[in-house]
Amino acid sequence: MNLFSLRRTPPSLDDLALDDFLPAKGDNLSSECLMPSVERPKQVFVRGQGSWLWDSNDRAYLDFCQGGGVNSLGHSPSAVVRAISEHAQSLINPGFGLHNRGMLNLAERLCAHTGSDQAYFLNSGTEACEAAVKLARKWGQLHRGGASRIIVASNGAHGRSLGAMSASDFHHVPFNDLAAMHAAVDAETVAILLEPVQSRTGVIPATEHYLKGVERLCRELGILLILDEVHTGIGRCSTLLAEQSYGVRADIVVLGEGLGGGVPLAALLARGKACCFDIGELSGTHHGNALMTAAGVAVLDSVQDKGFLHHVQEAGQHLREGLARLSHRYAHGELRGQGLLWGLTLSDDSAEALVKAALHEGLLLDAPQPDCLRFTPALTISKVNIDEMLLRLARAFSRVRTAQLQCRKGIAV
């Protein structure tokens, strides 16, 4: 048998922009009734386990997105499934105005493990960031003469965490630019808000010099430091919080994404002087409900288990080394990140084509920018699955490279 005859015909760039997958026979589900939000492939995914997803054709996909890092323990982890199942049978949501065990347990454990004094639970990172801003401004009213201006350090945008970032009392400065931060602070400033790693702008980590300099500036001026750890917290950077890897300490920390292990759960953590909310200033129908917080307890216990964060560190190093080899082989650019959060800058704006080529290879990837791929696998990812991902990614690189060469030849002719 000629093995070369089994190879797929290399696609053109136009082919890569199309989905040639169809729903399984007898699967009459349609997306016509869905309001448009994001472009999705045609596959309908029906089950998942760990680092793998299966579609309705029973085809397996290696998932290196995990919902942007939401599934911190992978798909349907046994600890989370067990916690949700048990609580669904006993108590789901007793109501916002009543205590439940999951709420109290998670608050106590989060505060103990992060050195925080108070915790509040919400449904999303966006809500948690908005609550952090509200808390900082409440503190400004009490302790800084009503100051309400918040300086946001970002490379063009702060992800989707804050819907009100265009408001006049937010001031944007370039990320990793300490001089710009010093110049921006004034008497009306109440807090500085930033992500330790800018995830949606291409996985850009803060330098240690920069983050420590920002913390020192906040202490010298008596203003608050807010760290948005929606993408970096709960072990993603091989420490429970990314601030620990930098040796800094924020007054307010925002958690989301991986805290619920796939269910909608976020947290606002406050320390010391920042604990100033009064009764009645926070509310939410589902905030801190028993089902979601039980999942959060299961995730936190797993991440704090002996050897877990060491595994994240080792797996992250293995992933980094493999991506560096591929980047060199295919003449791509810079590799940035920490732990199991990595971004690979491409030599051109081919990220969308690569994501679709990877889909052909049974690999799910994410492209936060036109020239960048982002890798947020499950924190439980094995080295074997990392190696499998690298093989599939190499094939995706080859597909796109071949298509690009064919296009150039066509233009030349």
Protein backbone atom coordinates (compact mmCIF):
# COMPACT_ATOMS: atom_id res chain seq x y z
CA MET A 1 0.00 0.00 0.00
CA ASN A 2 1.25 3.45 -0.89
CA LEU A 3 0.98 5.44 2.33
CA PHE A 4 1.35 8.70 0.44
CA SER A 5 -2.00 8.05 -1.26
CA LEU A 6 -3.68 8.22 2.15
CA ARG A 7 -2.62 11.80 2.76
CA ARG A 8 -5.29 14.47 2.53
CA THR A 9 -5.12 16.91 -0.34
CA PRO A 10 -3.46 20.07 0.98
CA PRO A 11 -6.09 22.82 1.24
CA SER A 12 -5.90 26.31 -0.12
CA LEU A 13 -6.30 29.28 2.21
CA ASP A 14 -9.92 29.48 1.05
CA ASP A 15 -10.40 25.84 2.03
CA LEU A 16 -9.07 26.59 5.49
CA ALA A 17 -11.70 29.28 5.90
CA LEU A 18 -14.50 26.72 5.39
CA ASP A 19 -15.77 23.97 7.64
CA ASP A 20 -16.12 20.68 5.83
CA PHE A 21 -17.57 18.91 8.84
CA LEU A 22 -21.26 18.12 8.92
CA PRO A 23 -23.47 17.10 11.85
CA ALA A 24 -23.97 13.38 12.32
CA LYS A 25 -26.68 11.68 10.31
CA GLY A 26 -29.97 12.01 12.11
CA ASP A 27 -28.73 15.01 14.11
CA ASN A 28 -31.17 17.70 13.03
CA LEU A 29 -29.98 20.37 15.44
CA SER A 30 -29.56 23.78 13.83
CA SER A 31 -27.98 27.07 14.93
CA GLU A 32 -30.53 29.18 13.06
CA CYS A 33 -32.40 30.11 16.25
CA LEU A 34 -29.23 31.25 18.04
CA MET A 35 -28.53 34.99 18.07
CA PRO A 36 -25.15 35.67 16.43
CA SER A 37 -22.33 36.20 18.90
CA VAL A 38 -19.16 34.41 17.80
CA GLU A 39 -18.27 32.35 14.76
CA ARG A 40 -18.50 28.67 15.66
CA PRO A 41 -17.56 25.56 13.67
CA LYS A 42 -20.41 23.29 12.61
CA GLN A 43 -19.55 20.43 14.94
CA VAL A 44 -21.92 19.71 17.81
CA PHE A 45 -19.96 18.56 20.85
CA VAL A 46 -21.69 15.97 22.97
CA ARG A 47 -19.26 14.80 25.65
CA GLY A 48 -15.87 15.48 27.17
CA GLN A 49 -13.38 13.84 29.49
CA GLY A 50 -10.18 15.42 30.72
CA SER A 51 -8.35 16.96 27.77
CA TRP A 52 -10.65 15.46 25.11
CA LEU A 53 -13.95 16.40 23.49
CA TRP A 54 -16.14 14.27 21.19
CA ASP A 55 -18.54 15.59 18.57
CA SER A 56 -21.80 14.03 17.38
CA ASN A 57 -19.84 12.05 14.76
CA ASP A 58 -17.89 10.52 17.68
CA ARG A 59 -14.69 12.20 16.50
CA ALA A 60 -12.24 13.05 19.28
CA TYR A 61 -10.57 16.47 19.63
CA LEU A 62 -7.65 17.35 21.87
CA ASP A 63 -8.75 20.52 23.64
CA PHE A 64 -6.03 23.09 24.35
CA CYS A 65 -8.58 25.89 24.86
CA GLN A 66 -10.69 24.46 27.68
CA GLY A 67 -13.10 27.35 27.27
CA GLY A 68 -10.28 29.87 27.62
CA GLY A 69 -9.05 28.17 30.79
CA VAL A 70 -12.47 27.86 32.42
CA ASN A 71 -12.19 24.07 32.70
CA SER A 72 -9.21 24.18 35.03
CA LEU A 73 -9.38 20.44 35.78
CA GLY A 74 -10.44 19.46 32.26
CA HIS A 75 -13.81 18.28 30.99
CA SER A 76 -16.15 16.64 33.52
CA PRO A 77 -13.54 16.12 36.27
CA SER A 78 -14.69 13.52 38.77
CA ALA A 79 -14.27 15.80 41.80
CA VAL A 80 -16.49 18.50 40.33
CA VAL A 81 -19.02 16.03 38.91
CA ARG A 82 -19.32 14.37 42.32
CA ALA A 83 -19.71 17.68 44.16
CA ILE A 84 -22.36 18.99 41.76
CA SER A 85 -24.26 15.68 41.73
CA GLU A 86 -24.40 15.44 45.52
CA HIS A 87 -25.50 19.04 45.98
CA ALA A 88 -28.03 18.93 43.17
CA GLN A 89 -29.80 16.21 45.12
CA SER A 90 -29.70 18.07 48.43
CA LEU A 91 -29.51 21.84 47.80
CA ILE A 92 -29.02 23.99 44.69
CA ASN A 93 -29.86 27.57 45.65
CA PRO A 94 -31.43 28.37 49.01
CA GLY A 95 -31.48 32.06 48.10
CA PHE A 96 -29.08 34.97 48.23
CA GLY A 97 -30.17 36.01 51.71
CA LEU A 98 -29.33 32.67 53.36
CA HIS A 99 -26.07 30.93 54.25
CA ASN A 100 -25.12 27.59 52.72
CA ARG A 101 -22.19 25.27 53.48
CA GLY A 102 -20.54 25.63 50.08
CA MET A 103 -20.49 29.42 50.39
CA LEU A 104 -19.01 29.37 53.89
CA ASN A 105 -16.49 26.59 53.15
CA LEU A 106 -15.20 28.20 49.96
CA ALA A 107 -14.91 31.65 51.55
CA GLU A 108 -12.97 30.26 54.50
CA ARG A 109 -10.61 28.17 52.35
CA LEU A 110 -9.97 30.88 49.78
CA CYS A 111 -9.14 33.41 52.47
CA ALA A 112 -6.87 30.95 54.29
CA HIS A 113 -4.96 29.90 51.16
CA THR A 114 -4.62 33.39 49.66
CA GLY A 115 -4.07 35.44 52.81
CA SER A 116 -7.29 37.39 52.25
CA ASP A 117 -9.74 38.65 54.86
CA GLN A 118 -13.06 38.59 52.99
CA ALA A 119 -14.51 36.89 49.92
CA TYR A 120 -17.65 37.44 47.87
CA PHE A 121 -18.90 35.13 45.12
CA LEU A 122 -20.31 36.10 41.75
CA ASN A 123 -21.15 34.45 38.42
CA SER A 124 -18.44 35.82 36.11
CA GLY A 125 -15.12 37.60 35.98
CA THR A 126 -16.85 40.62 34.49
CA GLU A 127 -19.14 40.92 37.49
CA ALA A 128 -16.23 40.41 39.86
CA CYS A 129 -14.18 43.17 38.20
CA GLU A 130 -17.12 45.54 38.38
CA ALA A 131 -17.54 44.71 42.07
CA ALA A 132 -13.81 45.36 42.63
CA VAL A 133 -14.17 48.81 41.07
CA LYS A 134 -17.21 49.50 43.24
CA LEU A 135 -15.28 48.40 46.35
CA ALA A 136 -12.29 50.60 45.49
CA ARG A 137 -14.51 53.63 45.01
CA LYS A 138 -16.30 52.96 48.28
CA TRP A 139 -12.88 52.93 49.94
CA GLY A 140 -12.02 56.18 48.15
CA GLN A 141 -15.10 57.83 49.60
CA LEU A 142 -14.12 56.76 53.10
CA HIS A 143 -10.35 57.24 53.05
CA ARG A 144 -9.25 59.36 50.07
CA GLY A 145 -11.58 62.33 49.99
CA GLY A 146 -13.98 60.84 47.47
CA ALA A 147 -11.32 59.93 44.89
CA SER A 148 -12.78 57.61 42.25
CA ARG A 149 -10.34 57.56 39.33
CA ILE A 150 -8.91 54.16 38.45
CA ILE A 151 -5.82 53.70 36.30
CA VAL A 152 -5.91 50.66 34.05
CA ALA A 153 -2.69 49.26 32.59
CA SER A 154 -3.33 47.44 29.34
CA ASN A 155 -2.09 46.81 25.82
CA GLY A 156 -5.02 48.30 23.95
CA ALA A 157 -7.77 46.65 25.99
CA HIS A 158 -8.46 44.92 29.28
CA GLY A 159 -10.08 41.86 27.79
CA ARG A 160 -13.81 41.75 28.48
CA SER A 161 -13.49 42.12 32.23
CA LEU A 162 -14.91 45.63 32.48
CA GLY A 163 -17.83 46.78 30.40
CA ALA A 164 -17.36 50.35 31.57
CA MET A 165 -13.71 50.82 30.65
CA SER A 166 -14.55 53.79 28.42
CA ALA A 167 -15.96 55.74 31.36
CA SER A 168 -14.31 59.08 32.01
CA ASP A 169 -13.00 58.12 35.46
CA PHE A 170 -10.90 55.28 34.03
CA HIS A 171 -7.49 56.25 32.72
CA HIS A 172 -5.57 53.90 30.43
CA VAL A 173 -1.79 53.65 30.41
CA PRO A 174 0.51 51.26 28.50
CA PHE A 175 1.21 47.94 30.16
CA ASN A 176 4.75 47.33 31.50
CA ASP A 177 5.50 51.08 31.37
CA LEU A 178 6.30 52.17 34.91
CA ALA A 179 7.11 55.76 33.95
CA ALA A 180 3.68 56.15 32.33
CA MET A 181 2.05 54.78 35.47
CA HIS A 182 3.90 57.26 37.70
CA ALA A 183 2.90 60.13 35.41
CA ALA A 184 -0.78 59.12 35.41
CA VAL A 185 -1.39 58.99 39.17
CA ASP A 186 -2.93 62.12 40.69
CA ALA A 187 -4.95 63.22 43.73
CA GLU A 188 -8.16 61.82 42.22
CA THR A 189 -6.68 58.32 41.78
CA VAL A 190 -8.07 55.67 44.09
CA ALA A 191 -6.62 52.48 42.59
CA ILE A 192 -4.49 50.84 39.92
CA LEU A 193 -6.02 47.86 38.11
CA LEU A 194 -4.07 45.41 35.96
CA GLU A 195 -3.70 41.76 34.98
CA PRO A 196 -0.41 40.07 35.95
CA VAL A 197 -0.56 38.48 32.50
CA GLN A 198 -2.49 40.25 29.74
CA SER A 199 -4.23 37.17 28.35
CA ARG A 200 -6.59 38.40 25.62
CA THR A 201 -4.06 40.78 24.13
CA GLY A 202 -1.65 37.95 23.35
CA VAL A 203 -0.44 36.53 26.69
CA ILE A 204 1.87 39.33 27.75
CA PRO A 205 3.27 38.91 31.30
CA ALA A 206 4.16 41.83 33.50
CA THR A 207 7.86 42.06 34.22
CA GLU A 208 8.81 41.56 37.85
CA HIS A 209 10.38 45.02 37.94
CA TYR A 210 7.17 46.56 36.64
CA LEU A 211 4.73 44.78 38.94
CA LYS A 212 6.84 45.36 42.03
CA GLY A 213 7.22 48.99 41.01
CA VAL A 214 3.45 49.40 40.71
CA GLU A 215 2.96 47.81 44.13
CA ARG A 216 5.58 50.15 45.63
CA LEU A 217 3.87 53.16 44.02
CA CYS A 218 0.52 52.16 45.52
CA ARG A 219 2.05 51.81 48.98
CA GLU A 220 3.89 55.13 48.78
CA LEU A 221 0.79 57.04 47.67
CA GLY A 222 -1.70 55.16 49.85
CA ILE A 223 -3.88 53.92 46.97
CA LEU A 224 -5.22 50.44 46.25
CA LEU A 225 -3.72 47.79 44.00
CA ILE A 226 -6.30 45.61 42.22
CA LEU A 227 -5.07 42.49 40.45
CA ASP A 228 -7.39 40.96 37.87
CA GLU A 229 -6.54 37.26 38.14
CA VAL A 230 -9.56 36.07 36.20
CA HIS A 231 -7.24 34.32 33.72
CA THR A 232 -4.19 33.71 35.91
CA GLY A 233 -5.57 32.58 39.27
CA ILE A 234 -6.32 29.12 40.68
CA GLY A 235 -3.05 27.51 39.61
CA ARG A 236 -2.92 28.59 35.97
CA CYS A 237 0.55 30.15 36.44
CA SER A 238 1.81 27.24 38.63
CA THR A 239 1.08 29.13 41.86
CA LEU A 240 -2.37 29.50 43.39
CA LEU A 241 -2.32 33.21 42.47
CA ALA A 242 0.02 34.77 39.94
CA GLU A 243 0.90 37.50 42.46
CA GLN A 244 2.74 34.84 44.47
CA SER A 245 5.11 34.13 41.60
CA TYR A 246 5.93 37.86 41.44
CA GLY A 247 6.28 38.37 45.19
CA VAL A 248 3.64 41.11 45.36
CA ARG A 249 0.42 41.50 47.34
CA ALA A 250 -2.70 43.26 46.11
CA ASP A 251 -5.39 44.88 48.21
CA ILE A 252 -8.14 43.43 46.01
CA VAL A 253 -7.97 40.28 43.86
CA VAL A 254 -10.48 39.21 41.23
CA LEU A 255 -10.88 35.51 40.44
CA GLY A 256 -12.93 33.80 37.76
CA GLU A 257 -12.50 31.36 34.88
CA GLY A 258 -10.97 28.29 36.53
CA LEU A 259 -12.45 28.73 40.01
CA GLY A 260 -15.63 26.82 39.16
CA GLY A 261 -13.97 24.15 37.03
CA GLY A 262 -16.44 24.78 34.21
CA VAL A 263 -19.45 26.18 36.07
CA PRO A 264 -20.10 29.95 36.34
CA LEU A 265 -18.27 31.07 39.48
CA ALA A 266 -16.07 34.07 40.27
CA ALA A 267 -14.79 35.67 43.46
CA LEU A 268 -13.83 39.06 44.84
CA LEU A 269 -11.14 38.91 47.53
CA ALA A 270 -10.35 41.85 49.80
CA ARG A 271 -7.54 42.39 52.28
CA GLY A 272 -7.03 44.69 55.23
CA LYS A 273 -8.12 48.26 54.65
CA ALA A 274 -9.96 47.36 51.45
CA CYS A 275 -12.63 45.44 53.39
CA CYS A 276 -15.20 48.22 53.55
CA PHE A 277 -18.45 47.02 51.99
CA ASP A 278 -21.53 47.28 54.21
CA ILE A 279 -24.65 45.15 54.24
CA GLY A 280 -26.84 45.88 51.24
CA GLU A 281 -24.08 47.06 48.89
CA LEU A 282 -23.73 43.74 47.03
CA SER A 283 -26.47 41.51 45.72
CA GLY A 284 -27.12 38.85 43.12
CA THR A 285 -29.76 36.17 42.74
CA HIS A 286 -27.26 33.37 42.11
CA HIS A 287 -24.25 34.81 43.95
CA GLY A 288 -22.73 32.19 46.23
CA ASN A 289 -25.35 29.54 45.55
CA ALA A 290 -24.76 26.08 47.01
CA LEU A 291 -24.25 24.25 43.72
CA MET A 292 -21.61 26.57 42.25
CA THR A 293 -19.65 27.07 45.47
CA ALA A 294 -19.57 23.29 46.05
CA ALA A 295 -17.87 23.00 42.66
CA GLY A 296 -15.45 25.74 43.72
CA VAL A 297 -14.53 23.85 46.90
CA ALA A 298 -13.81 20.73 44.82
CA VAL A 299 -11.57 22.71 42.43
CA LEU A 300 -9.68 24.48 45.22
CA ASP A 301 -9.13 21.23 47.11
CA SER A 302 -7.77 19.62 43.94
CA VAL A 303 -5.42 22.50 43.15
CA GLN A 304 -4.15 22.57 46.74
CA ASP A 305 -3.59 18.81 46.76
CA LYS A 306 0.02 17.74 47.27
CA GLY A 307 2.05 17.87 44.08
CA PHE A 308 -0.64 19.47 41.91
CA LEU A 309 1.05 22.84 41.38
CA HIS A 310 4.39 21.11 40.87
CA HIS A 311 2.77 19.13 38.07
CA VAL A 312 1.49 22.38 36.51
CA GLN A 313 5.02 23.78 36.63
CA GLU A 314 6.55 20.68 35.01
CA ALA A 315 3.84 20.35 32.37
CA GLY A 316 4.16 24.06 31.60
CA GLN A 317 7.90 23.69 31.09
CA HIS A 318 7.35 20.71 28.80
CA LEU A 319 4.78 22.67 26.78
CA ARG A 320 7.05 25.71 26.57
CA GLU A 321 9.99 23.67 25.29
CA GLY A 322 7.86 21.93 22.66
CA LEU A 323 6.29 25.15 21.42
CA ALA A 324 9.72 26.77 21.25
CA ARG A 325 10.96 23.97 18.99
CA LEU A 326 7.95 24.32 16.66
CA SER A 327 8.28 28.09 16.61
CA HIS A 328 11.91 27.78 15.51
CA ARG A 329 11.14 25.09 12.92
CA TYR A 330 8.38 27.12 11.25
CA ALA A 331 10.06 30.53 11.70
CA HIS A 332 7.43 31.98 13.99
CA GLY A 333 8.01 34.50 16.74
CA GLU A 334 8.07 35.07 20.48
CA LEU A 335 6.73 32.61 23.04
CA ARG A 336 5.30 34.25 26.17
CA GLY A 337 3.63 33.04 29.32
CA GLN A 338 3.85 31.16 32.61
CA GLY A 339 2.72 27.80 33.94
CA LEU A 340 0.03 26.51 31.57
CA LEU A 341 -0.83 29.85 29.99
CA TRP A 342 1.20 30.45 26.81
CA GLY A 343 0.96 32.63 23.74
CA LEU A 344 2.88 32.07 20.51
CA THR A 345 3.37 35.07 18.23
CA LEU A 346 3.18 34.17 14.55
CA SER A 347 5.22 35.57 11.68
CA ASP A 348 2.03 36.78 9.98
CA ASP A 349 -1.70 37.18 10.60
CA SER A 350 -2.44 33.50 10.05
CA ALA A 351 -3.88 32.67 13.47
CA GLU A 352 -7.44 32.18 12.21
CA ALA A 353 -6.26 29.88 9.41
CA LEU A 354 -4.16 27.90 11.88
CA VAL A 355 -7.09 27.46 14.27
CA LYS A 356 -9.16 26.04 11.41
CA ALA A 357 -6.32 23.88 10.14
CA ALA A 358 -5.86 22.53 13.67
CA LEU A 359 -9.56 21.69 13.76
CA HIS A 360 -8.99 19.47 10.70
CA GLU A 361 -6.31 17.71 12.75
CA GLY A 362 -8.60 17.17 15.75
CA LEU A 363 -7.04 19.96 17.82
CA LEU A 364 -8.89 22.86 19.43
CA LEU A 365 -6.88 26.09 19.68
CA ASP A 366 -7.62 29.71 20.47
CA ALA A 367 -6.45 32.88 18.69
CA PRO A 368 -6.80 35.99 20.89
CA GLN A 369 -5.08 38.12 18.22
CA PRO A 370 -4.67 37.77 14.42
CA ASP A 371 -0.98 36.95 14.87
CA CYS A 372 -1.09 34.94 18.10
CA LEU A 373 -2.14 31.49 19.29
CA ARG A 374 -3.06 30.96 22.95
CA PHE A 375 -2.70 27.68 24.85
CA THR A 376 -4.77 27.12 28.00
CA PRO A 377 -4.95 23.34 28.49
CA ALA A 378 -6.38 21.62 31.55
CA LEU A 379 -4.09 21.96 34.55
CA THR A 380 -4.17 18.16 34.70
CA ILE A 381 -2.75 17.81 31.17
CA SER A 382 -0.28 14.94 30.74
CA LYS A 383 3.04 15.16 28.92
CA VAL A 384 1.75 12.48 26.54
CA ASN A 385 -1.16 14.72 25.53
CA ILE A 386 1.17 17.71 25.21
CA ASP A 387 3.30 15.70 22.80
CA GLU A 388 0.20 14.68 20.85
CA MET A 389 -0.85 18.32 20.64
CA LEU A 390 2.57 19.28 19.29
CA LEU A 391 2.30 16.66 16.54
CA ARG A 392 -1.14 17.90 15.51
CA LEU A 393 -0.03 21.53 15.68
CA ALA A 394 2.95 20.74 13.44
CA ARG A 395 0.58 19.26 10.88
CA ALA A 396 -1.59 22.38 11.10
CA PHE A 397 1.48 24.57 10.53
CA SER A 398 2.35 22.46 7.47
CA ARG A 399 -1.19 22.72 6.11
CA VAL A 400 -1.18 26.51 6.32
CA ARG A 401 2.38 26.80 4.98
CA THR A 402 1.49 24.59 1.98
CA ALA A 403 -1.68 26.58 1.31
CA GLN A 404 0.25 29.85 1.47
CA LEU A 405 2.84 28.57 -1.01
CA GLN A 406 0.10 27.38 -3.39
CA CYS A 407 -1.54 30.79 -3.23
CA ARG A 408 1.75 32.52 -4.02
CA LYS A 409 2.37 30.23 -6.97
CA GLY A 410 -1.13 30.94 -8.24
CA ILE A 411 -0.56 34.68 -8.00
CA ALA A 412 2.82 34.36 -9.75
CA VAL A 413 1.24 32.45 -12.62
